[in-house]
């Protein structure tokens, strides 16, 4: 009975950290997204009143829960402003740059495990092979991933997750959803995130690390990622931040799912009419 109780507590702790991880993951996307034009594939926002293109992308759907989503968006921004961002600033101030980069590299190396398994599930065997070699090179020669030696050897992979796997399997369309702490997502990607956190987290396979140490490492990862993105957060300024984030997030997901093979409305064939000028 004691063993079952301990396992139950462990599951609860992992669930809480998944919740917090989702919040940080999507806050990090907010800071990562660039200030590029996001005109294609948008729809008319009920609250912003911005008209978008007539033919939306298969991955850029309507926002049927916009009222709820906007409320959650405001909540998440407040939580980041008063909780996560101050912690991230303190971490950045006291951590030497080389150590900060090394910590980032270690967690990137662990994340490659998720990419490896999802590449296999999607049938992307070349990416899986490259990712496996990245894990080996960085773990062995990069001192557990502290140094990213794999990139120096030309081993660059495409990041994959179970949300992308579901899309490759046919679950392409999914409504946009903003959840407290999880931030911008879709029903498909939210489910995929939970699967990745439950089945593909390498820290769960290390017996020498107890639950409290795993929790501390997870917290360090989230704070490190938020600190690394502090310099980029000013890219999201002005206008309707919610609508901008929604469009940027969905377009970014489509880009990742299709491995960058996005239909370009300004492709070379579209300029045949200019021949002769």
Protein backbone atom coordinates (compact mmCIF):
# COMPACT_ATOMS: atom_id res chain seq x y z
CA UNK A 1 0.00 0.00 0.00
CA UNK A 2 2.84 2.37 0.81
CA UNK A 3 4.36 1.74 -2.61
CA UNK A 4 1.08 2.56 -4.33
CA UNK A 5 0.75 5.71 -2.27
CA UNK A 6 4.26 6.80 -3.21
CA UNK A 7 3.53 6.16 -6.88
CA UNK A 8 0.32 8.14 -6.61
CA UNK A 9 2.15 11.09 -5.08
CA UNK A 10 4.77 10.83 -7.80
CA UNK A 11 2.10 10.91 -10.51
CA UNK A 12 0.49 13.95 -8.89
CA UNK A 13 3.80 15.77 -8.68
CA UNK A 14 4.54 14.99 -12.32
CA UNK A 15 1.10 16.24 -13.30
CA UNK A 16 1.62 19.52 -11.48
CA UNK A 17 4.98 19.99 -13.12
CA UNK A 18 3.48 19.22 -16.52
CA UNK A 19 1.00 22.01 -15.86
CA UNK A 20 3.78 24.43 -14.93
CA UNK A 21 5.91 23.22 -17.85
CA UNK A 22 3.11 23.92 -20.27
CA UNK A 23 2.82 27.47 -18.99
CA UNK A 24 6.53 28.10 -19.40
CA UNK A 25 6.65 26.39 -22.79
CA UNK A 26 3.98 28.67 -24.18
CA UNK A 27 5.36 31.79 -22.48
CA UNK A 28 8.63 30.94 -24.19
CA UNK A 29 6.83 30.78 -27.52
CA UNK A 30 5.40 34.22 -26.83
CA UNK A 31 8.94 35.53 -26.50
CA UNK A 32 10.33 33.46 -29.39
CA UNK A 33 7.81 34.49 -32.03
CA UNK A 34 9.24 37.07 -34.40
CA UNK A 35 7.75 40.31 -35.62
CA UNK A 36 7.20 39.06 -39.16
CA UNK A 37 3.99 39.65 -41.09
CA UNK A 38 1.36 37.05 -40.22
CA UNK A 39 -1.24 37.96 -42.79
CA UNK A 40 -1.87 34.67 -44.53
CA UNK A 41 -4.44 32.17 -43.36
CA UNK A 42 -6.03 34.37 -40.68
CA UNK A 43 -9.72 34.78 -39.96
CA UNK A 44 -11.88 37.61 -38.64
CA UNK A 45 -11.43 37.94 -34.89
CA UNK A 46 -14.66 38.49 -33.01
CA UNK A 47 -13.04 41.01 -30.69
CA UNK A 48 -10.28 42.53 -32.81
CA UNK A 49 -12.39 42.79 -35.97
CA UNK A 50 -9.35 42.16 -38.16
CA UNK A 51 -10.18 40.70 -41.55
CA UNK A 52 -7.97 37.87 -42.74
CA UNK A 53 -7.48 35.88 -45.93
CA UNK A 54 -10.37 34.09 -47.62
CA UNK A 55 -8.70 30.68 -47.81
CA UNK A 56 -7.33 29.70 -44.40
CA UNK A 57 -4.66 27.06 -44.06
CA UNK A 58 -5.71 23.57 -42.96
CA UNK A 59 -3.90 24.20 -39.67
CA UNK A 60 -5.18 27.74 -39.13
CA UNK A 61 -8.74 27.26 -37.95
CA UNK A 62 -11.35 29.50 -36.38
CA UNK A 63 -11.22 30.36 -32.72
CA UNK A 64 -14.62 29.20 -31.38
CA UNK A 65 -13.55 29.69 -27.75
CA UNK A 66 -12.14 33.19 -28.21
CA UNK A 67 -13.86 34.75 -25.19
CA UNK A 68 -12.53 32.04 -22.88
CA UNK A 69 -9.15 32.04 -24.60
CA UNK A 70 -8.70 35.78 -24.15
CA UNK A 71 -9.46 35.48 -20.45
CA UNK A 72 -6.86 32.76 -20.07
CA UNK A 73 -4.38 34.80 -22.11
CA UNK A 74 -4.74 37.74 -19.70
CA UNK A 75 -4.34 35.42 -16.72
CA UNK A 76 -1.18 33.87 -18.15
CA UNK A 77 0.38 37.24 -18.90
CA UNK A 78 -0.22 38.36 -15.32
CA UNK A 79 1.23 35.13 -13.93
CA UNK A 80 4.34 35.57 -16.06
CA UNK A 81 4.72 39.22 -15.10
CA UNK A 82 4.52 38.69 -11.35
CA UNK A 83 5.95 35.19 -10.89
CA UNK A 84 8.03 33.65 -13.65
CA UNK A 85 9.70 36.70 -15.16
CA UNK A 86 11.14 38.06 -11.88
CA UNK A 87 12.56 34.62 -11.09
CA UNK A 88 14.05 34.36 -14.58
CA UNK A 89 15.67 37.80 -14.28
CA UNK A 90 17.27 36.86 -10.97
CA UNK A 91 18.55 33.59 -12.45
CA UNK A 92 20.02 35.40 -15.44
CA UNK A 93 21.73 37.97 -13.20
CA UNK A 94 23.49 35.44 -10.95
CA UNK A 95 24.36 32.78 -13.57
CA UNK A 96 27.58 33.17 -15.64
CA UNK A 97 26.90 33.12 -19.38
CA UNK A 98 28.96 29.98 -20.11
CA UNK A 99 27.13 28.11 -17.34
CA UNK A 100 23.76 29.34 -18.58
CA UNK A 101 24.55 28.09 -22.09
CA UNK A 102 25.80 24.77 -20.77
CA UNK A 103 22.62 24.22 -18.77
CA UNK A 104 20.55 25.03 -21.86
CA UNK A 105 22.59 22.52 -23.88
CA UNK A 106 22.05 19.77 -21.30
CA UNK A 107 18.29 20.14 -21.43
CA UNK A 108 18.32 20.39 -25.23
CA UNK A 109 20.19 17.10 -25.27
CA UNK A 110 17.49 15.52 -23.09
CA UNK A 111 14.78 16.93 -25.36
CA UNK A 112 16.38 15.13 -28.29
CA UNK A 113 15.07 11.89 -26.77
CA UNK A 114 11.52 13.14 -27.41
CA UNK A 115 12.46 14.07 -30.96
CA UNK A 116 14.03 10.66 -31.56
CA UNK A 117 10.96 8.65 -30.58
CA UNK A 118 8.52 10.93 -32.39
CA UNK A 119 10.67 10.81 -35.53
CA UNK A 120 10.36 7.02 -35.45
CA UNK A 121 6.60 7.22 -34.93
CA UNK A 122 6.32 9.55 -37.93
CA UNK A 123 8.51 7.38 -40.14
CA UNK A 124 11.20 10.06 -40.38
CA UNK A 125 14.06 7.62 -40.02
CA UNK A 126 16.78 9.97 -41.26
CA UNK A 127 15.85 12.54 -38.63
CA UNK A 128 15.72 9.77 -36.04
CA UNK A 129 19.23 8.61 -37.00
CA UNK A 130 20.62 12.15 -36.87
CA UNK A 131 18.95 12.73 -33.51
CA UNK A 132 20.29 9.50 -32.05
CA UNK A 133 23.79 10.45 -33.15
CA UNK A 134 23.31 13.89 -31.60
CA UNK A 135 22.41 12.27 -28.29
CA UNK A 136 25.46 9.99 -28.43
CA UNK A 137 27.92 12.72 -29.46
CA UNK A 138 26.70 15.29 -26.95
CA UNK A 139 26.38 12.82 -24.10
CA UNK A 140 29.78 11.17 -24.60
CA UNK A 141 31.96 13.95 -26.03
CA UNK A 142 29.96 16.92 -24.76
CA UNK A 143 30.14 15.94 -21.08
CA UNK A 144 26.52 14.92 -20.70
CA UNK A 145 25.35 17.52 -23.19
CA UNK A 146 26.98 20.53 -21.54
CA UNK A 147 28.73 21.22 -24.85
CA UNK A 148 26.83 20.92 -28.13
CA UNK A 149 29.52 19.14 -30.13
CA UNK A 150 27.00 17.44 -32.44
CA UNK A 151 26.11 20.69 -34.17
CA UNK A 152 29.81 21.31 -34.80
CA UNK A 153 29.91 17.96 -36.62
CA UNK A 154 26.97 19.00 -38.80
CA UNK A 155 24.40 16.90 -36.96
CA UNK A 156 21.36 19.18 -37.09
CA UNK A 157 17.89 17.70 -36.68
CA UNK A 158 14.26 18.82 -36.90
CA UNK A 159 12.51 18.96 -33.54
CA UNK A 160 9.50 16.65 -33.29
CA UNK A 161 6.82 16.15 -30.65
CA UNK A 162 3.74 13.98 -30.27
CA UNK A 163 1.45 16.81 -31.34
CA UNK A 164 3.25 16.78 -34.69
CA UNK A 165 3.04 12.99 -34.71
CA UNK A 166 -0.74 13.13 -34.34
CA UNK A 167 -0.91 15.60 -37.24
CA UNK A 168 1.19 13.31 -39.43
CA UNK A 169 -1.14 10.45 -38.52
CA UNK A 170 -4.12 12.45 -39.82
CA UNK A 171 -5.29 14.61 -36.92
CA UNK A 172 -4.56 17.80 -38.85
CA UNK A 173 -7.36 20.13 -37.78
CA UNK A 174 -7.76 21.11 -34.16
CA UNK A 175 -9.37 24.14 -32.53
CA UNK A 176 -7.18 26.78 -30.97
CA UNK A 177 -7.25 26.75 -27.19
CA UNK A 178 -5.60 28.82 -24.47
CA UNK A 179 -5.49 27.15 -21.07
CA UNK A 180 -4.41 28.54 -17.71
CA UNK A 181 -0.65 28.05 -17.39
CA UNK A 182 -0.52 26.04 -20.63
CA UNK A 183 -1.11 29.09 -22.81
CA UNK A 184 -1.60 28.87 -26.60
CA UNK A 185 -2.16 25.38 -27.91
CA UNK A 186 -4.73 23.21 -29.65
CA UNK A 187 -6.61 20.18 -28.41
CA UNK A 188 -4.24 18.01 -30.44
CA UNK A 189 -1.04 19.65 -29.27
CA UNK A 190 -2.16 19.76 -25.65
CA UNK A 191 -2.75 16.01 -25.69
CA UNK A 192 0.56 15.50 -27.45
CA UNK A 193 2.37 17.54 -24.81
CA UNK A 194 0.98 15.36 -22.05
CA UNK A 195 2.06 12.19 -23.87
CA UNK A 196 5.59 13.53 -24.38
CA UNK A 197 5.88 14.50 -20.73
CA UNK A 198 4.60 11.15 -19.50
CA UNK A 199 6.32 8.68 -21.84
CA UNK A 200 9.37 10.41 -23.35
CA UNK A 201 10.94 12.23 -20.41
CA UNK A 202 14.42 10.68 -19.96
CA UNK A 203 14.65 11.91 -16.37
CA UNK A 204 11.98 9.37 -15.43
CA UNK A 205 14.30 6.55 -16.54
CA UNK A 206 17.21 7.54 -14.30
CA UNK A 207 16.87 5.50 -11.12
CA UNK A 208 19.60 7.39 -9.27
CA UNK A 209 17.51 10.58 -9.34
CA UNK A 210 14.65 10.71 -6.86
CA UNK A 211 11.41 12.62 -7.33
CA UNK A 212 12.56 15.72 -5.47
CA UNK A 213 15.68 15.95 -7.64
CA UNK A 214 13.62 15.47 -10.81
CA UNK A 215 11.33 18.26 -9.66
CA UNK A 216 14.31 20.55 -9.04
CA UNK A 217 15.76 19.78 -12.47
CA UNK A 218 12.42 20.43 -14.15
CA UNK A 219 12.16 23.79 -12.36
CA UNK A 220 15.71 24.67 -13.44
CA UNK A 221 14.89 23.83 -17.04
CA UNK A 222 11.82 26.06 -17.08
CA UNK A 223 13.57 28.99 -15.43
CA UNK A 224 16.58 28.63 -17.74
CA UNK A 225 14.37 28.68 -20.84
CA UNK A 226 12.44 31.73 -19.66
CA UNK A 227 15.67 33.55 -18.84
CA UNK A 228 17.11 32.80 -22.29
CA UNK A 229 14.07 34.44 -23.88
CA UNK A 230 14.01 37.66 -21.88
CA UNK A 231 15.79 39.60 -24.63
CA UNK A 232 13.27 38.55 -27.28
CA UNK A 233 10.02 39.34 -25.46
CA UNK A 234 9.82 42.92 -26.73
CA UNK A 235 9.10 41.62 -30.23
CA UNK A 236 5.46 41.24 -29.16
CA UNK A 237 4.50 44.89 -28.68
CA UNK A 238 1.54 46.95 -29.76
CA UNK A 239 -1.66 45.96 -31.51
CA UNK A 240 -3.80 43.01 -30.49
CA UNK A 241 -1.25 40.78 -28.76
CA UNK A 242 -3.75 37.94 -28.45
CA UNK A 243 -4.55 37.85 -32.19
CA UNK A 244 -0.88 38.17 -33.09
CA UNK A 245 0.12 35.32 -30.81
CA UNK A 246 -2.70 33.11 -32.08
CA UNK A 247 -1.72 33.59 -35.73
CA UNK A 248 2.00 33.23 -35.02
CA UNK A 249 1.49 30.09 -32.93
CA UNK A 250 -0.72 28.30 -35.45
CA UNK A 251 1.51 29.20 -38.37
CA UNK A 252 4.57 28.06 -36.46
CA UNK A 253 2.90 24.72 -35.70
CA UNK A 254 2.01 24.27 -39.36
CA UNK A 255 5.60 25.07 -40.31
CA UNK A 256 6.93 22.45 -37.88
CA UNK A 257 4.39 19.79 -38.86
CA UNK A 258 5.18 20.20 -42.56
CA UNK A 259 8.93 20.45 -41.92
CA UNK A 260 9.01 23.91 -43.46
CA UNK A 261 7.27 22.87 -46.67
CA UNK A 262 4.62 25.59 -46.65
CA UNK A 263 2.72 26.59 -49.77
CA UNK A 264 4.03 30.00 -50.81
CA UNK A 265 1.41 32.27 -52.35
CA UNK A 266 4.27 34.22 -53.90
CA UNK A 267 5.90 31.22 -55.52
CA UNK A 268 7.81 31.63 -58.75
CA UNK A 269 4.93 30.26 -60.82
CA UNK A 270 2.72 33.10 -59.63
CA UNK A 271 4.98 35.61 -61.34
CA UNK A 272 4.69 34.16 -64.83
CA UNK A 273 2.38 37.06 -65.66
CA UNK A 274 5.36 39.36 -65.30
CA UNK A 275 7.28 37.67 -68.13
CA UNK A 276 8.11 40.16 -70.82
CA UNK A 277 8.32 43.20 -68.58
